[in-house]
Amino acid sequence: MEKYKNIRTFDELIELEHGKIGTESRNKYEEGAQIFMVSEMLKAARKEAKLTQEQLAEKAGTKKSYISKIENGKVNIQLSTLIRIFEQGLNRRIGLTFL
């Protein structure tokens, strides 16, 4: 716990645990965090639409196992596939923000 005593912000904690922005360790952490956020957004949108993974897969032209892998953060999804799942499968649009 000693290494955490001077930590005051979440950003400081992330830097302590995963390194400075731009390092390989931090980049890997950030990528994992993005995959997690996408998986949670997809899961929430699917449940809001009252669809099973199988129903969503059928509407989006993919397999249930693929939807499951996305929702569990086990696959690095292509942007075109993500757009298709949201637009065709859920009738929702995706907005992107570049930071």
N, C-alpha and C. Protein backbone atom coordinates (compact mmCIF):
# COMPACT_ATOMS: atom_id res chain seq x y z
N MET A 1 0.81 -1.19 0.00
CA MET A 1 0.00 0.00 0.00
C MET A 1 0.86 1.26 0.00
N GLU A 2 2.10 1.11 0.37
CA GLU A 2 3.00 2.27 0.44
C GLU A 2 3.10 2.98 -0.91
N LYS A 3 3.14 2.22 -2.00
CA LYS A 3 3.30 2.85 -3.32
C LYS A 3 2.09 3.67 -3.73
N TYR A 4 0.97 3.50 -3.05
CA TYR A 4 -0.26 4.23 -3.40
C TYR A 4 -0.50 5.46 -2.52
N LYS A 5 0.34 5.71 -1.54
CA LYS A 5 0.03 6.75 -0.57
C LYS A 5 0.01 8.16 -1.16
N ASN A 6 0.75 8.42 -2.23
CA ASN A 6 0.76 9.76 -2.82
C ASN A 6 -0.15 9.88 -4.04
N ILE A 7 -0.91 8.85 -4.32
CA ILE A 7 -1.82 8.87 -5.47
C ILE A 7 -3.04 9.72 -5.11
N ARG A 8 -3.34 10.70 -5.98
CA ARG A 8 -4.46 11.60 -5.72
C ARG A 8 -5.55 11.52 -6.79
N THR A 9 -5.20 11.04 -7.97
CA THR A 9 -6.18 11.00 -9.06
C THR A 9 -6.19 9.62 -9.71
N PHE A 10 -7.25 9.36 -10.44
CA PHE A 10 -7.35 8.11 -11.18
C PHE A 10 -6.25 8.02 -12.23
N ASP A 11 -5.95 9.13 -12.90
CA ASP A 11 -4.89 9.14 -13.91
C ASP A 11 -3.54 8.78 -13.30
N GLU A 12 -3.26 9.26 -12.11
CA GLU A 12 -2.02 8.91 -11.43
C GLU A 12 -1.96 7.42 -11.11
N LEU A 13 -3.09 6.87 -10.71
CA LEU A 13 -3.16 5.43 -10.42
C LEU A 13 -2.91 4.61 -11.68
N ILE A 14 -3.55 4.99 -12.78
CA ILE A 14 -3.36 4.26 -14.04
C ILE A 14 -1.90 4.35 -14.48
N GLU A 15 -1.30 5.53 -14.34
CA GLU A 15 0.11 5.68 -14.73
C GLU A 15 1.01 4.82 -13.85
N LEU A 16 0.72 4.75 -12.57
CA LEU A 16 1.52 3.92 -11.68
C LEU A 16 1.40 2.45 -12.04
N GLU A 17 0.19 2.00 -12.33
CA GLU A 17 -0.06 0.60 -12.61
C GLU A 17 0.34 0.17 -14.03
N HIS A 18 0.17 1.09 -15.00
CA HIS A 18 0.33 0.69 -16.41
C HIS A 18 1.35 1.51 -17.19
N GLY A 19 1.98 2.46 -16.56
CA GLY A 19 3.01 3.25 -17.23
C GLY A 19 2.47 4.52 -17.85
N LYS A 20 3.38 5.30 -18.37
CA LYS A 20 3.03 6.58 -18.99
C LYS A 20 2.37 6.37 -20.35
N ILE A 21 1.58 7.35 -20.76
CA ILE A 21 0.94 7.31 -22.07
C ILE A 21 2.00 7.15 -23.14
N GLY A 22 1.76 6.22 -24.06
CA GLY A 22 2.69 5.98 -25.16
C GLY A 22 3.60 4.78 -24.94
N THR A 23 3.68 4.29 -23.69
CA THR A 23 4.50 3.11 -23.46
C THR A 23 3.73 1.86 -23.90
N GLU A 24 4.45 0.80 -24.18
CA GLU A 24 3.81 -0.44 -24.63
C GLU A 24 2.81 -0.96 -23.60
N SER A 25 3.20 -0.91 -22.33
CA SER A 25 2.32 -1.40 -21.26
C SER A 25 1.03 -0.58 -21.21
N ARG A 26 1.15 0.73 -21.30
CA ARG A 26 -0.03 1.60 -21.23
C ARG A 26 -0.91 1.41 -22.47
N ASN A 27 -0.29 1.28 -23.63
CA ASN A 27 -1.06 1.07 -24.86
C ASN A 27 -1.88 -0.21 -24.78
N LYS A 28 -1.28 -1.26 -24.24
CA LYS A 28 -1.99 -2.54 -24.10
C LYS A 28 -3.16 -2.39 -23.13
N TYR A 29 -2.94 -1.68 -22.03
CA TYR A 29 -4.02 -1.43 -21.07
C TYR A 29 -5.15 -0.64 -21.73
N GLU A 30 -4.82 0.42 -22.45
CA GLU A 30 -5.83 1.28 -23.09
C GLU A 30 -6.63 0.49 -24.12
N GLU A 31 -5.96 -0.36 -24.87
CA GLU A 31 -6.66 -1.19 -25.86
C GLU A 31 -7.65 -2.12 -25.18
N GLY A 32 -7.21 -2.74 -24.11
CA GLY A 32 -8.11 -3.62 -23.35
C GLY A 32 -9.30 -2.87 -22.78
N ALA A 33 -9.07 -1.66 -22.31
CA ALA A 33 -10.15 -0.85 -21.76
C ALA A 33 -11.17 -0.50 -22.85
N GLN A 34 -10.70 -0.18 -24.04
CA GLN A 34 -11.60 0.13 -25.15
C GLN A 34 -12.41 -1.09 -25.55
N ILE A 35 -11.77 -2.23 -25.62
CA ILE A 35 -12.49 -3.47 -25.97
C ILE A 35 -13.56 -3.75 -24.92
N PHE A 36 -13.25 -3.56 -23.66
CA PHE A 36 -14.22 -3.76 -22.59
C PHE A 36 -15.41 -2.82 -22.74
N MET A 37 -15.14 -1.55 -23.02
CA MET A 37 -16.23 -0.58 -23.16
C MET A 37 -17.14 -0.93 -24.33
N VAL A 38 -16.57 -1.30 -25.46
CA VAL A 38 -17.37 -1.70 -26.62
C VAL A 38 -18.21 -2.92 -26.28
N SER A 39 -17.62 -3.89 -25.60
CA SER A 39 -18.36 -5.10 -25.26
C SER A 39 -19.54 -4.79 -24.35
N GLU A 40 -19.35 -3.91 -23.39
CA GLU A 40 -20.42 -3.54 -22.47
C GLU A 40 -21.51 -2.73 -23.17
N MET A 41 -21.12 -1.85 -24.09
CA MET A 41 -22.11 -1.08 -24.84
C MET A 41 -22.96 -1.98 -25.73
N LEU A 42 -22.32 -2.95 -26.37
CA LEU A 42 -23.06 -3.87 -27.22
C LEU A 42 -24.03 -4.70 -26.38
N LYS A 43 -23.55 -5.22 -25.28
CA LYS A 43 -24.40 -6.03 -24.41
C LYS A 43 -25.62 -5.23 -23.92
N ALA A 44 -25.38 -3.99 -23.49
CA ALA A 44 -26.48 -3.15 -23.00
C ALA A 44 -27.47 -2.84 -24.11
N ALA A 45 -26.97 -2.52 -25.31
CA ALA A 45 -27.85 -2.20 -26.43
C ALA A 45 -28.67 -3.42 -26.85
N ARG A 46 -28.06 -4.58 -26.84
CA ARG A 46 -28.78 -5.81 -27.19
C ARG A 46 -29.89 -6.10 -26.19
N LYS A 47 -29.58 -5.96 -24.91
CA LYS A 47 -30.58 -6.22 -23.88
C LYS A 47 -31.70 -5.18 -23.93
N GLU A 48 -31.35 -3.94 -24.20
CA GLU A 48 -32.35 -2.88 -24.34
C GLU A 48 -33.30 -3.18 -25.50
N ALA A 49 -32.76 -3.76 -26.57
CA ALA A 49 -33.56 -4.14 -27.74
C ALA A 49 -34.32 -5.44 -27.49
N LYS A 50 -34.10 -6.06 -26.33
CA LYS A 50 -34.75 -7.32 -25.96
C LYS A 50 -34.48 -8.43 -26.98
N LEU A 51 -33.20 -8.51 -27.38
CA LEU A 51 -32.77 -9.54 -28.31
C LEU A 51 -31.82 -10.50 -27.61
N THR A 52 -31.88 -11.76 -28.00
CA THR A 52 -30.88 -12.71 -27.55
C THR A 52 -29.64 -12.54 -28.44
N GLN A 53 -28.55 -13.13 -28.03
CA GLN A 53 -27.36 -13.10 -28.88
C GLN A 53 -27.65 -13.76 -30.22
N GLU A 54 -28.40 -14.83 -30.20
CA GLU A 54 -28.73 -15.54 -31.43
C GLU A 54 -29.59 -14.67 -32.36
N GLN A 55 -30.57 -13.98 -31.82
CA GLN A 55 -31.42 -13.10 -32.64
C GLN A 55 -30.60 -11.96 -33.23
N LEU A 56 -29.73 -11.37 -32.43
CA LEU A 56 -28.88 -10.29 -32.92
C LEU A 56 -27.97 -10.79 -34.03
N ALA A 57 -27.38 -11.92 -33.82
CA ALA A 57 -26.47 -12.49 -34.82
C ALA A 57 -27.20 -12.71 -36.14
N GLU A 58 -28.41 -13.23 -36.07
CA GLU A 58 -29.18 -13.47 -37.29
C GLU A 58 -29.48 -12.17 -38.02
N LYS A 59 -29.88 -11.15 -37.29
CA LYS A 59 -30.19 -9.86 -37.90
C LYS A 59 -28.95 -9.18 -38.50
N ALA A 60 -27.81 -9.40 -37.87
CA ALA A 60 -26.57 -8.74 -38.30
C ALA A 60 -25.77 -9.58 -39.29
N GLY A 61 -26.21 -10.80 -39.55
CA GLY A 61 -25.51 -11.64 -40.51
C GLY A 61 -24.21 -12.23 -39.97
N THR A 62 -24.22 -12.60 -38.72
CA THR A 62 -23.03 -13.22 -38.12
C THR A 62 -23.49 -14.40 -37.25
N LYS A 63 -22.59 -14.93 -36.45
CA LYS A 63 -22.91 -16.09 -35.62
C LYS A 63 -23.08 -15.68 -34.16
N LYS A 64 -23.90 -16.46 -33.45
CA LYS A 64 -24.10 -16.21 -32.03
C LYS A 64 -22.78 -16.26 -31.27
N SER A 65 -21.93 -17.21 -31.63
CA SER A 65 -20.64 -17.35 -30.94
C SER A 65 -19.78 -16.10 -31.10
N TYR A 66 -19.90 -15.43 -32.25
CA TYR A 66 -19.13 -14.20 -32.47
C TYR A 66 -19.67 -13.07 -31.59
N ILE A 67 -21.00 -12.96 -31.50
CA ILE A 67 -21.61 -11.94 -30.63
C ILE A 67 -21.16 -12.19 -29.20
N SER A 68 -21.17 -13.44 -28.77
CA SER A 68 -20.74 -13.80 -27.42
C SER A 68 -19.28 -13.39 -27.18
N LYS A 69 -18.42 -13.66 -28.14
CA LYS A 69 -17.00 -13.30 -28.00
C LYS A 69 -16.83 -11.79 -27.89
N ILE A 70 -17.60 -11.03 -28.67
CA ILE A 70 -17.52 -9.57 -28.58
C ILE A 70 -17.97 -9.11 -27.20
N GLU A 71 -19.11 -9.62 -26.76
CA GLU A 71 -19.65 -9.20 -25.47
C GLU A 71 -18.76 -9.60 -24.29
N ASN A 72 -17.93 -10.59 -24.48
CA ASN A 72 -17.02 -11.02 -23.42
C ASN A 72 -15.60 -10.50 -23.62
N GLY A 73 -15.42 -9.61 -24.60
CA GLY A 73 -14.11 -9.01 -24.83
C GLY A 73 -13.06 -9.99 -25.29
N LYS A 74 -13.48 -11.05 -25.98
CA LYS A 74 -12.55 -12.10 -26.40
C LYS A 74 -12.11 -11.98 -27.85
N VAL A 75 -12.56 -10.92 -28.54
CA VAL A 75 -12.21 -10.76 -29.94
C VAL A 75 -11.97 -9.28 -30.22
N ASN A 76 -11.05 -9.01 -31.10
CA ASN A 76 -10.77 -7.64 -31.53
C ASN A 76 -11.59 -7.39 -32.79
N ILE A 77 -12.71 -6.73 -32.64
CA ILE A 77 -13.69 -6.58 -33.70
C ILE A 77 -13.27 -5.50 -34.70
N GLN A 78 -13.55 -5.75 -35.98
CA GLN A 78 -13.31 -4.75 -37.01
C GLN A 78 -14.41 -3.70 -36.93
N LEU A 79 -14.05 -2.46 -37.23
CA LEU A 79 -15.00 -1.36 -37.18
C LEU A 79 -16.19 -1.60 -38.11
N SER A 80 -15.95 -2.11 -39.30
CA SER A 80 -17.04 -2.36 -40.25
C SER A 80 -18.03 -3.39 -39.70
N THR A 81 -17.52 -4.38 -38.99
CA THR A 81 -18.39 -5.40 -38.39
C THR A 81 -19.19 -4.80 -37.24
N LEU A 82 -18.55 -3.98 -36.42
CA LEU A 82 -19.24 -3.34 -35.31
C LEU A 82 -20.37 -2.44 -35.83
N ILE A 83 -20.09 -1.69 -36.88
CA ILE A 83 -21.12 -0.82 -37.47
C ILE A 83 -22.28 -1.67 -37.99
N ARG A 84 -21.98 -2.76 -38.67
CA ARG A 84 -23.03 -3.63 -39.19
C ARG A 84 -23.90 -4.21 -38.07
N ILE A 85 -23.27 -4.63 -36.99
CA ILE A 85 -24.02 -5.20 -35.87
C ILE A 85 -24.95 -4.15 -35.27
N PHE A 86 -24.45 -2.95 -35.07
CA PHE A 86 -25.29 -1.91 -34.47
C PHE A 86 -26.36 -1.42 -35.45
N GLU A 87 -25.98 -1.19 -36.70
CA GLU A 87 -26.95 -0.63 -37.64
C GLU A 87 -27.95 -1.65 -38.15
N GLN A 88 -27.50 -2.81 -38.58
CA GLN A 88 -28.42 -3.82 -39.10
C GLN A 88 -29.08 -4.62 -37.98
N GLY A 89 -28.31 -4.94 -36.97
CA GLY A 89 -28.82 -5.80 -35.92
C GLY A 89 -29.64 -5.07 -34.87
N LEU A 90 -29.27 -3.82 -34.58
CA LEU A 90 -29.92 -3.09 -33.50
C LEU A 90 -30.62 -1.81 -33.95
N ASN A 91 -30.53 -1.50 -35.24
CA ASN A 91 -31.12 -0.25 -35.77
C ASN A 91 -30.63 0.97 -35.01
N ARG A 92 -29.33 0.97 -34.73
CA ARG A 92 -28.71 2.10 -34.01
C ARG A 92 -27.51 2.57 -34.79
N ARG A 93 -27.16 3.82 -34.60
CA ARG A 93 -26.00 4.41 -35.26
C ARG A 93 -24.84 4.48 -34.28
N ILE A 94 -23.64 4.49 -34.83
CA ILE A 94 -22.44 4.61 -34.02
C ILE A 94 -21.81 5.97 -34.31
N GLY A 95 -21.40 6.65 -33.25
CA GLY A 95 -20.66 7.90 -33.39
C GLY A 95 -19.24 7.67 -32.89
N LEU A 96 -18.27 8.22 -33.59
CA LEU A 96 -16.87 8.06 -33.20
C LEU A 96 -16.29 9.41 -32.79
N THR A 97 -15.46 9.39 -31.78
CA THR A 97 -14.76 10.58 -31.34
C THR A 97 -13.27 10.25 -31.31
N PHE A 98 -12.48 11.08 -31.94
CA PHE A 98 -11.03 10.89 -31.92
C PHE A 98 -10.44 11.87 -30.91
N LEU A 99 -9.64 11.34 -30.00
CA LEU A 99 -9.04 12.18 -28.95
C LEU A 99 -7.59 12.46 -29.24
